[in-house]
Amino acid sequence: MANANTQIDPMHSEEVGHGNSRAAWAMYGIMIIGVIIGAIAFAAHNPTIVYVGCAIVVVGLIVGWILKKAGFGVNGTKSGFSH
């Protein structure tokens, strides 16, 4: 049962996209790989590979931004989702 306060709150009246797009999935997938590589390298005391993992995270952000601009983001022209 919904709370009476959530029915009048304008923030709850909009459907949230939750980032369900190809751009978001690609971005987070690449970023998670970078974080895993960086975490393993950190535990192994290998600072060079930690920086490589950080660079992969930045690459993930750039890939997500490029894909969003290319129309693969939420409500994008090439997005197969209906958010």
PDB file of N, CA and C in Angstrom:
ATOM      1  N   MET A   1       0.845  -1.170   0.000  1.00  0.00           N
ATOM      2  CA  MET A   1       0.000   0.000   0.000  1.00  0.00           C
ATOM      3  C   MET A   1       0.894   1.237   0.000  1.00  0.00           C
ATOM      4  N   ALA A   2       0.598   2.186  -0.852  1.00  0.00           N
ATOM      5  CA  ALA A   2       1.417   3.385  -0.988  1.00  0.00           C
ATOM      6  C   ALA A   2       1.108   4.369   0.122  1.00  0.00           C
ATOM      7  N   ASN A   3       2.123   5.051   0.546  1.00  0.00           N
ATOM      8  CA  ASN A   3       1.991   6.089   1.550  1.00  0.00           C
ATOM      9  C   ASN A   3       1.304   7.300   0.900  1.00  0.00           C
ATOM     10  N   ALA A   4       0.489   8.002   1.653  1.00  0.00           N
ATOM     11  CA  ALA A   4      -0.230   9.167   1.116  1.00  0.00           C
ATOM     12  C   ALA A   4       0.733  10.256   0.680  1.00  0.00           C
ATOM     13  N   ASN A   5       1.870  10.370   1.350  1.00  0.00           N
ATOM     14  CA  ASN A   5       2.850  11.403   0.997  1.00  0.00           C
ATOM     15  C   ASN A   5       3.516  11.130  -0.348  1.00  0.00           C
ATOM     16  N   THR A   6       3.682   9.870  -0.729  1.00  0.00           N
ATOM     17  CA  THR A   6       4.336   9.566  -1.999  1.00  0.00           C
ATOM     18  C   THR A   6       3.413   9.820  -3.180  1.00  0.00           C
ATOM     19  N   GLN A   7       2.128   9.873  -2.970  1.00  0.00           N
ATOM     20  CA  GLN A   7       1.204  10.103  -4.065  1.00  0.00           C
ATOM     21  C   GLN A   7       1.193  11.561  -4.508  1.00  0.00           C
ATOM     22  N   ILE A   8       1.534  12.481  -3.623  1.00  0.00           N
ATOM     23  CA  ILE A   8       1.525  13.889  -3.998  1.00  0.00           C
ATOM     24  C   ILE A   8       2.927  14.416  -4.294  1.00  0.00           C
ATOM     25  N   ASP A   9       3.937  13.607  -4.037  1.00  0.00           N
ATOM     26  CA  ASP A   9       5.316  14.022  -4.275  1.00  0.00           C
ATOM     27  C   ASP A   9       5.614  13.931  -5.774  1.00  0.00           C
ATOM     28  N   PRO A  10       6.005  15.046  -6.415  1.00  0.00           N
ATOM     29  CA  PRO A  10       6.263  15.016  -7.856  1.00  0.00           C
ATOM     30  C   PRO A  10       7.448  14.135  -8.242  1.00  0.00           C
ATOM     31  N   MET A  11       8.354  13.879  -7.327  1.00  0.00           N
ATOM     32  CA  MET A  11       9.496  13.014  -7.631  1.00  0.00           C
ATOM     33  C   MET A  11       9.061  11.572  -7.843  1.00  0.00           C
ATOM     34  N   HIS A  12       7.965  11.173  -7.232  1.00  0.00           N
ATOM     35  CA  HIS A  12       7.497   9.801  -7.357  1.00  0.00           C
ATOM     36  C   HIS A  12       6.531   9.622  -8.521  1.00  0.00           C
ATOM     37  N   SER A  13       6.137  10.705  -9.164  1.00  0.00           N
ATOM     38  CA  SER A  13       5.193  10.571 -10.264  1.00  0.00           C
ATOM     39  C   SER A  13       5.892  10.278 -11.590  1.00  0.00           C
ATOM     40  N   GLU A  14       7.205  10.489 -11.650  1.00  0.00           N
ATOM     41  CA  GLU A  14       7.949  10.222 -12.873  1.00  0.00           C
ATOM     42  C   GLU A  14       8.525   8.813 -12.836  1.00  0.00           C
ATOM     43  N   GLU A  15       8.503   8.150 -13.996  1.00  0.00           N
ATOM     44  CA  GLU A  15       9.120   6.838 -14.088  1.00  0.00           C
ATOM     45  C   GLU A  15      10.626   7.021 -14.239  1.00  0.00           C
ATOM     46  N   VAL A  16      11.375   6.310 -13.422  1.00  0.00           N
ATOM     47  CA  VAL A  16      12.819   6.437 -13.442  1.00  0.00           C
ATOM     48  C   VAL A  16      13.384   5.429 -14.432  1.00  0.00           C
ATOM     49  N   GLY A  17      14.330   5.868 -15.274  1.00  0.00           N
ATOM     50  CA  GLY A  17      14.907   4.995 -16.281  1.00  0.00           C
ATOM     51  C   GLY A  17      15.907   3.998 -15.722  1.00  0.00           C
ATOM     52  N   HIS A  18      16.494   4.265 -14.582  1.00  0.00           N
ATOM     53  CA  HIS A  18      17.460   3.403 -13.920  1.00  0.00           C
ATOM     54  C   HIS A  18      18.670   3.092 -14.789  1.00  0.00           C
ATOM     55  N   GLY A  19      18.905   3.853 -15.848  1.00  0.00           N
ATOM     56  CA  GLY A  19      20.077   3.620 -16.676  1.00  0.00           C
ATOM     57  C   GLY A  19      20.014   2.359 -17.502  1.00  0.00           C
ATOM     58  N   ASN A  20      18.811   1.851 -17.760  1.00  0.00           N
ATOM     59  CA  ASN A  20      18.664   0.635 -18.557  1.00  0.00           C
ATOM     60  C   ASN A  20      18.864   0.960 -20.027  1.00  0.00           C
ATOM     61  N   SER A  21      20.108   1.095 -20.428  1.00  0.00           N
ATOM     62  CA  SER A  21      20.423   1.373 -21.816  1.00  0.00           C
ATOM     63  C   SER A  21      21.733   0.691 -22.164  1.00  0.00           C
ATOM     64  N   ARG A  22      21.968   0.566 -23.447  1.00  0.00           N
ATOM     65  CA  ARG A  22      23.221  -0.053 -23.884  1.00  0.00           C
ATOM     66  C   ARG A  22      24.418   0.777 -23.443  1.00  0.00           C
ATOM     67  N   ALA A  23      24.273   2.097 -23.469  1.00  0.00           N
ATOM     68  CA  ALA A  23      25.368   2.975 -23.047  1.00  0.00           C
ATOM     69  C   ALA A  23      25.701   2.752 -21.574  1.00  0.00           C
ATOM     70  N   ALA A  24      24.686   2.658 -20.741  1.00  0.00           N
ATOM     71  CA  ALA A  24      24.912   2.472 -19.306  1.00  0.00           C
ATOM     72  C   ALA A  24      25.514   1.102 -19.015  1.00  0.00           C
ATOM     73  N   TRP A  25      25.004   0.063 -19.661  1.00  0.00           N
ATOM     74  CA  TRP A  25      25.527  -1.283 -19.429  1.00  0.00           C
ATOM     75  C   TRP A  25      26.978  -1.388 -19.873  1.00  0.00           C
ATOM     76  N   ALA A  26      27.316  -0.793 -21.019  1.00  0.00           N
ATOM     77  CA  ALA A  26      28.705  -0.822 -21.491  1.00  0.00           C
ATOM     78  C   ALA A  26      29.604  -0.059 -20.529  1.00  0.00           C
ATOM     79  N   MET A  27      29.149   1.118 -20.099  1.00  0.00           N
ATOM     80  CA  MET A  27      29.941   1.935 -19.190  1.00  0.00           C
ATOM     81  C   MET A  27      30.209   1.192 -17.884  1.00  0.00           C
ATOM     82  N   TYR A  28      29.167   0.672 -17.266  1.00  0.00           N
ATOM     83  CA  TYR A  28      29.350  -0.004 -15.987  1.00  0.00           C
ATOM     84  C   TYR A  28      30.129  -1.296 -16.126  1.00  0.00           C
ATOM     85  N   GLY A  29      29.948  -2.007 -17.226  1.00  0.00           N
ATOM     86  CA  GLY A  29      30.716  -3.229 -17.442  1.00  0.00           C
ATOM     87  C   GLY A  29      32.204  -2.950 -17.516  1.00  0.00           C
ATOM     88  N   ILE A  30      32.584  -1.952 -18.293  1.00  0.00           N
ATOM     89  CA  ILE A  30      33.992  -1.582 -18.415  1.00  0.00           C
ATOM     90  C   ILE A  30      34.526  -1.070 -17.084  1.00  0.00           C
ATOM     91  N   MET A  31      33.746  -0.260 -16.396  1.00  0.00           N
ATOM     92  CA  MET A  31      34.198   0.297 -15.123  1.00  0.00           C
ATOM     93  C   MET A  31      34.380  -0.793 -14.067  1.00  0.00           C
ATOM     94  N   ILE A  32      33.493  -1.766 -14.038  1.00  0.00           N
ATOM     95  CA  ILE A  32      33.626  -2.847 -13.051  1.00  0.00           C
ATOM     96  C   ILE A  32      34.882  -3.668 -13.322  1.00  0.00           C
ATOM     97  N   ILE A  33      35.166  -3.913 -14.597  1.00  0.00           N
ATOM     98  CA  ILE A  33      36.403  -4.618 -14.933  1.00  0.00           C
ATOM     99  C   ILE A  33      37.612  -3.822 -14.434  1.00  0.00           C
ATOM    100  N   GLY A  34      37.596  -2.510 -14.640  1.00  0.00           N
ATOM    101  CA  GLY A  34      38.693  -1.674 -14.153  1.00  0.00           C
ATOM    102  C   GLY A  34      38.828  -1.699 -12.644  1.00  0.00           C
ATOM    103  N   VAL A  35      37.718  -1.672 -11.939  1.00  0.00           N
ATOM    104  CA  VAL A  35      37.755  -1.706 -10.470  1.00  0.00           C
ATOM    105  C   VAL A  35      38.280  -3.052  -9.980  1.00  0.00           C
ATOM    106  N   ILE A  36      37.855  -4.137 -10.617  1.00  0.00           N
ATOM    107  CA  ILE A  36      38.333  -5.462 -10.207  1.00  0.00           C
ATOM    108  C   ILE A  36      39.842  -5.579 -10.433  1.00  0.00           C
ATOM    109  N   ILE A  37      40.297  -5.137 -11.604  1.00  0.00           N
ATOM    110  CA  ILE A  37      41.740  -5.174 -11.879  1.00  0.00           C
ATOM    111  C   ILE A  37      42.494  -4.323 -10.869  1.00  0.00           C
ATOM    112  N   GLY A  38      42.005  -3.120 -10.607  1.00  0.00           N
ATOM    113  CA  GLY A  38      42.668  -2.241  -9.645  1.00  0.00           C
ATOM    114  C   GLY A  38      42.678  -2.804  -8.238  1.00  0.00           C
ATOM    115  N   ALA A  39      41.594  -3.433  -7.830  1.00  0.00           N
ATOM    116  CA  ALA A  39      41.520  -3.991  -6.478  1.00  0.00           C
ATOM    117  C   ALA A  39      42.470  -5.175  -6.307  1.00  0.00           C
ATOM    118  N   ILE A  40      42.524  -6.039  -7.322  1.00  0.00           N
ATOM    119  CA  ILE A  40      43.444  -7.179  -7.239  1.00  0.00           C
ATOM    120  C   ILE A  40      44.889  -6.684  -7.225  1.00  0.00           C
ATOM    121  N   ALA A  41      45.190  -5.699  -8.069  1.00  0.00           N
ATOM    122  CA  ALA A  41      46.547  -5.153  -8.100  1.00  0.00           C
ATOM    123  C   ALA A  41      46.893  -4.449  -6.790  1.00  0.00           C
ATOM    124  N   PHE A  42      45.919  -3.781  -6.184  1.00  0.00           N
ATOM    125  CA  PHE A  42      46.152  -3.122  -4.899  1.00  0.00           C
ATOM    126  C   PHE A  42      46.483  -4.152  -3.827  1.00  0.00           C
ATOM    127  N   ALA A  43      45.747  -5.263  -3.829  1.00  0.00           N
ATOM    128  CA  ALA A  43      46.006  -6.319  -2.854  1.00  0.00           C
ATOM    129  C   ALA A  43      47.360  -6.985  -3.097  1.00  0.00           C
ATOM    130  N   ALA A  44      47.799  -6.993  -4.362  1.00  0.00           N
ATOM    131  CA  ALA A  44      49.088  -7.596  -4.705  1.00  0.00           C
ATOM    132  C   ALA A  44      50.238  -6.591  -4.618  1.00  0.00           C
ATOM    133  N   HIS A  45      49.962  -5.377  -4.189  1.00  0.00           N
ATOM    134  CA  HIS A  45      50.964  -4.320  -4.040  1.00  0.00           C
ATOM    135  C   HIS A  45      51.667  -4.003  -5.362  1.00  0.00           C
ATOM    136  N   ASN A  46      50.855  -3.832  -6.410  1.00  0.00           N
ATOM    137  CA  ASN A  46      51.390  -3.505  -7.730  1.00  0.00           C
ATOM    138  C   ASN A  46      50.788  -2.174  -8.180  1.00  0.00           C
ATOM    139  N   PRO A  47      51.445  -1.062  -7.846  1.00  0.00           N
ATOM    140  CA  PRO A  47      50.857   0.247  -8.135  1.00  0.00           C
ATOM    141  C   PRO A  47      50.680   0.547  -9.623  1.00  0.00           C
ATOM    142  N   THR A  48      51.522  -0.009 -10.475  1.00  0.00           N
ATOM    143  CA  THR A  48      51.390   0.234 -11.914  1.00  0.00           C
ATOM    144  C   THR A  48      50.062  -0.295 -12.433  1.00  0.00           C
ATOM    145  N   ILE A  49      49.718  -1.490 -12.039  1.00  0.00           N
ATOM    146  CA  ILE A  49      48.460  -2.092 -12.498  1.00  0.00           C
ATOM    147  C   ILE A  49      47.264  -1.416 -11.834  1.00  0.00           C
ATOM    148  N   VAL A  50      47.441  -0.881 -10.618  1.00  0.00           N
ATOM    149  CA  VAL A  50      46.367  -0.105  -9.990  1.00  0.00           C
ATOM    150  C   VAL A  50      46.023   1.096 -10.874  1.00  0.00           C
ATOM    151  N   TYR A  51      47.061   1.765 -11.376  1.00  0.00           N
ATOM    152  CA  TYR A  51      46.821   2.910 -12.261  1.00  0.00           C
ATOM    153  C   TYR A  51      46.210   2.477 -13.591  1.00  0.00           C
ATOM    154  N   VAL A  52      46.562   1.300 -14.063  1.00  0.00           N
ATOM    155  CA  VAL A  52      45.931   0.765 -15.277  1.00  0.00           C
ATOM    156  C   VAL A  52      44.440   0.541 -15.022  1.00  0.00           C
ATOM    157  N   GLY A  53      44.105   0.001 -13.858  1.00  0.00           N
ATOM    158  CA  GLY A  53      42.692  -0.184 -13.499  1.00  0.00           C
ATOM    159  C   GLY A  53      41.954   1.140 -13.430  1.00  0.00           C
ATOM    160  N   CYS A  54      42.608   2.166 -12.876  1.00  0.00           N
ATOM    161  CA  CYS A  54      41.995   3.500 -12.831  1.00  0.00           C
ATOM    162  C   CYS A  54      41.783   4.051 -14.236  1.00  0.00           C
ATOM    163  N   ALA A  55      42.742   3.814 -15.122  1.00  0.00           N
ATOM    164  CA  ALA A  55      42.605   4.272 -16.506  1.00  0.00           C
ATOM    165  C   ALA A  55      41.445   3.557 -17.205  1.00  0.00           C
ATOM    166  N   ILE A  56      41.251   2.282 -16.900  1.00  0.00           N
ATOM    167  CA  ILE A  56      40.133   1.538 -17.493  1.00  0.00           C
ATOM    168  C   ILE A  56      38.801   2.118 -17.016  1.00  0.00           C
ATOM    169  N   VAL A  57      38.729   2.542 -15.765  1.00  0.00           N
ATOM    170  CA  VAL A  57      37.509   3.179 -15.257  1.00  0.00           C
ATOM    171  C   VAL A  57      37.225   4.464 -16.030  1.00  0.00           C
ATOM    172  N   VAL A  58      38.252   5.256 -16.280  1.00  0.00           N
ATOM    173  CA  VAL A  58      38.078   6.497 -17.043  1.00  0.00           C
ATOM    174  C   VAL A  58      37.650   6.184 -18.479  1.00  0.00           C
ATOM    175  N   VAL A  59      38.222   5.144 -19.071  1.00  0.00           N
ATOM    176  CA  VAL A  59      37.823   4.730 -20.422  1.00  0.00           C
ATOM    177  C   VAL A  59      36.342   4.345 -20.422  1.00  0.00           C
ATOM    178  N   GLY A  60      35.887   3.663 -19.371  1.00  0.00           N
ATOM    179  CA  GLY A  60      34.468   3.303 -19.266  1.00  0.00           C
ATOM    180  C   GLY A  60      33.573   4.524 -19.254  1.00  0.00           C
ATOM    181  N   LEU A  61      33.980   5.565 -18.526  1.00  0.00           N
ATOM    182  CA  LEU A  61      33.196   6.797 -18.509  1.00  0.00           C
ATOM    183  C   LEU A  61      33.127   7.430 -19.900  1.00  0.00           C
ATOM    184  N   ILE A  62      34.244   7.432 -20.590  1.00  0.00           N
ATOM    185  CA  ILE A  62      34.278   8.021 -21.931  1.00  0.00           C
ATOM    186  C   ILE A  62      33.427   7.211 -22.904  1.00  0.00           C
ATOM    187  N   VAL A  63      33.520   5.885 -22.834  1.00  0.00           N
ATOM    188  CA  VAL A  63      32.714   5.023 -23.712  1.00  0.00           C
ATOM    189  C   VAL A  63      31.229   5.250 -23.450  1.00  0.00           C
ATOM    190  N   GLY A  64      30.831   5.331 -22.191  1.00  0.00           N
ATOM    191  CA  GLY A  64      29.428   5.589 -21.865  1.00  0.00           C
ATOM    192  C   GLY A  64      28.948   6.914 -22.410  1.00  0.00           C
ATOM    193  N   TRP A  65      29.771   7.939 -22.293  1.00  0.00           N
ATOM    194  CA  TRP A  65      29.410   9.266 -22.799  1.00  0.00           C
ATOM    195  C   TRP A  65      29.285   9.248 -24.322  1.00  0.00           C
ATOM    196  N   ILE A  66      30.234   8.589 -24.996  1.00  0.00           N
ATOM    197  CA  ILE A  66      30.183   8.510 -26.460  1.00  0.00           C
ATOM    198  C   ILE A  66      28.940   7.752 -26.919  1.00  0.00           C
ATOM    199  N   LEU A  67      28.640   6.636 -26.272  1.00  0.00           N
ATOM    200  CA  LEU A  67      27.461   5.861 -26.657  1.00  0.00           C
ATOM    201  C   LEU A  67      26.168   6.633 -26.392  1.00  0.00           C
ATOM    202  N   LYS A  68      26.145   7.393 -25.312  1.00  0.00           N
ATOM    203  CA  LYS A  68      24.959   8.215 -25.035  1.00  0.00           C
ATOM    204  C   LYS A  68      24.775   9.258 -26.132  1.00  0.00           C
ATOM    205  N   LYS A  69      25.867   9.913 -26.525  1.00  0.00           N
ATOM    206  CA  LYS A  69      25.793  10.912 -27.593  1.00  0.00           C
ATOM    207  C   LYS A  69      25.423  10.279 -28.927  1.00  0.00           C
ATOM    208  N   ALA A  70      25.771   8.991 -29.109  1.00  0.00           N
ATOM    209  CA  ALA A  70      25.468   8.287 -30.352  1.00  0.00           C
ATOM    210  C   ALA A  70      24.015   7.795 -30.399  1.00  0.00           C
ATOM    211  N   GLY A  71      23.282   7.971 -29.303  1.00  0.00           N
ATOM    212  CA  GLY A  71      21.870   7.610 -29.295  1.00  0.00           C
ATOM    213  C   GLY A  71      21.541   6.310 -28.592  1.00  0.00           C
ATOM    214  N   PHE A  72      22.509   5.716 -27.893  1.00  0.00           N
ATOM    215  CA  PHE A  72      22.270   4.454 -27.208  1.00  0.00           C
ATOM    216  C   PHE A  72      21.928   4.637 -25.733  1.00  0.00           C
ATOM    217  N   GLY A  73      21.701   5.856 -25.287  1.00  0.00           N
ATOM    218  CA  GLY A  73      21.328   6.127 -23.905  1.00  0.00           C
ATOM    219  C   GLY A  73      19.823   5.950 -23.700  1.00  0.00           C
ATOM    220  N   VAL A  74      19.367   6.221 -22.486  1.00  0.00           N
ATOM    221  CA  VAL A  74      17.938   6.141 -22.175  1.00  0.00           C
ATOM    222  C   VAL A  74      17.194   7.134 -23.068  1.00  0.00           C
ATOM    223  N   ASN A  75      16.150   6.688 -23.707  1.00  0.00           N
ATOM    224  CA  ASN A  75      15.347   7.466 -24.656  1.00  0.00           C
ATOM    225  C   ASN A  75      16.147   7.906 -25.881  1.00  0.00           C
ATOM    226  N   GLY A  76      17.245   7.229 -26.168  1.00  0.00           N
ATOM    227  CA  GLY A  76      18.045   7.552 -27.340  1.00  0.00           C
ATOM    228  C   GLY A  76      17.389   7.039 -28.608  1.00  0.00           C
ATOM    229  N   THR A  77      17.829   7.574 -29.723  1.00  0.00           N
ATOM    230  CA  THR A  77      17.234   7.190 -31.010  1.00  0.00           C
ATOM    231  C   THR A  77      17.559   5.755 -31.383  1.00  0.00           C
ATOM    232  N   LYS A  78      18.690   5.235 -30.938  1.00  0.00           N
ATOM    233  CA  LYS A  78      19.083   3.872 -31.268  1.00  0.00           C
ATOM    234  C   LYS A  78      18.869   2.919 -30.101  1.00  0.00           C
ATOM    235  N   SER A  79      18.300   3.427 -29.045  1.00  0.00           N
ATOM    236  CA  SER A  79      18.054   2.610 -27.872  1.00  0.00           C
ATOM    237  C   SER A  79      16.853   1.715 -28.124  1.00  0.00           C
ATOM    238  N   GLY A  80      16.975   0.457 -27.756  1.00  0.00           N
ATOM    239  CA  GLY A  80      15.877  -0.480 -27.942  1.00  0.00           C
ATOM    240  C   GLY A  80      14.920  -0.514 -26.763  1.00  0.00           C
ATOM    241  N   PHE A  81      15.099   0.394 -25.825  1.00  0.00           N
ATOM    242  CA  PHE A  81      14.294   0.389 -24.606  1.00  0.00           C
ATOM    243  C   PHE A  81      13.261   1.515 -24.656  1.00  0.00           C
ATOM    244  N   SER A  82      12.182   1.321 -23.948  1.00  0.00           N
ATOM    245  CA  SER A  82      11.100   2.311 -23.964  1.00  0.00           C
ATOM    246  C   SER A  82      10.944   2.978 -22.612  1.00  0.00           C
ATOM    247  N   HIS A  83      11.974   3.638 -22.149  1.00  0.00           N
ATOM    248  CA  HIS A  83      11.881   4.371 -20.875  1.00  0.00           C
ATOM    249  C   HIS A  83      11.605   5.812 -21.161  1.00  0.00           C
TER     250      HIS A  83
END
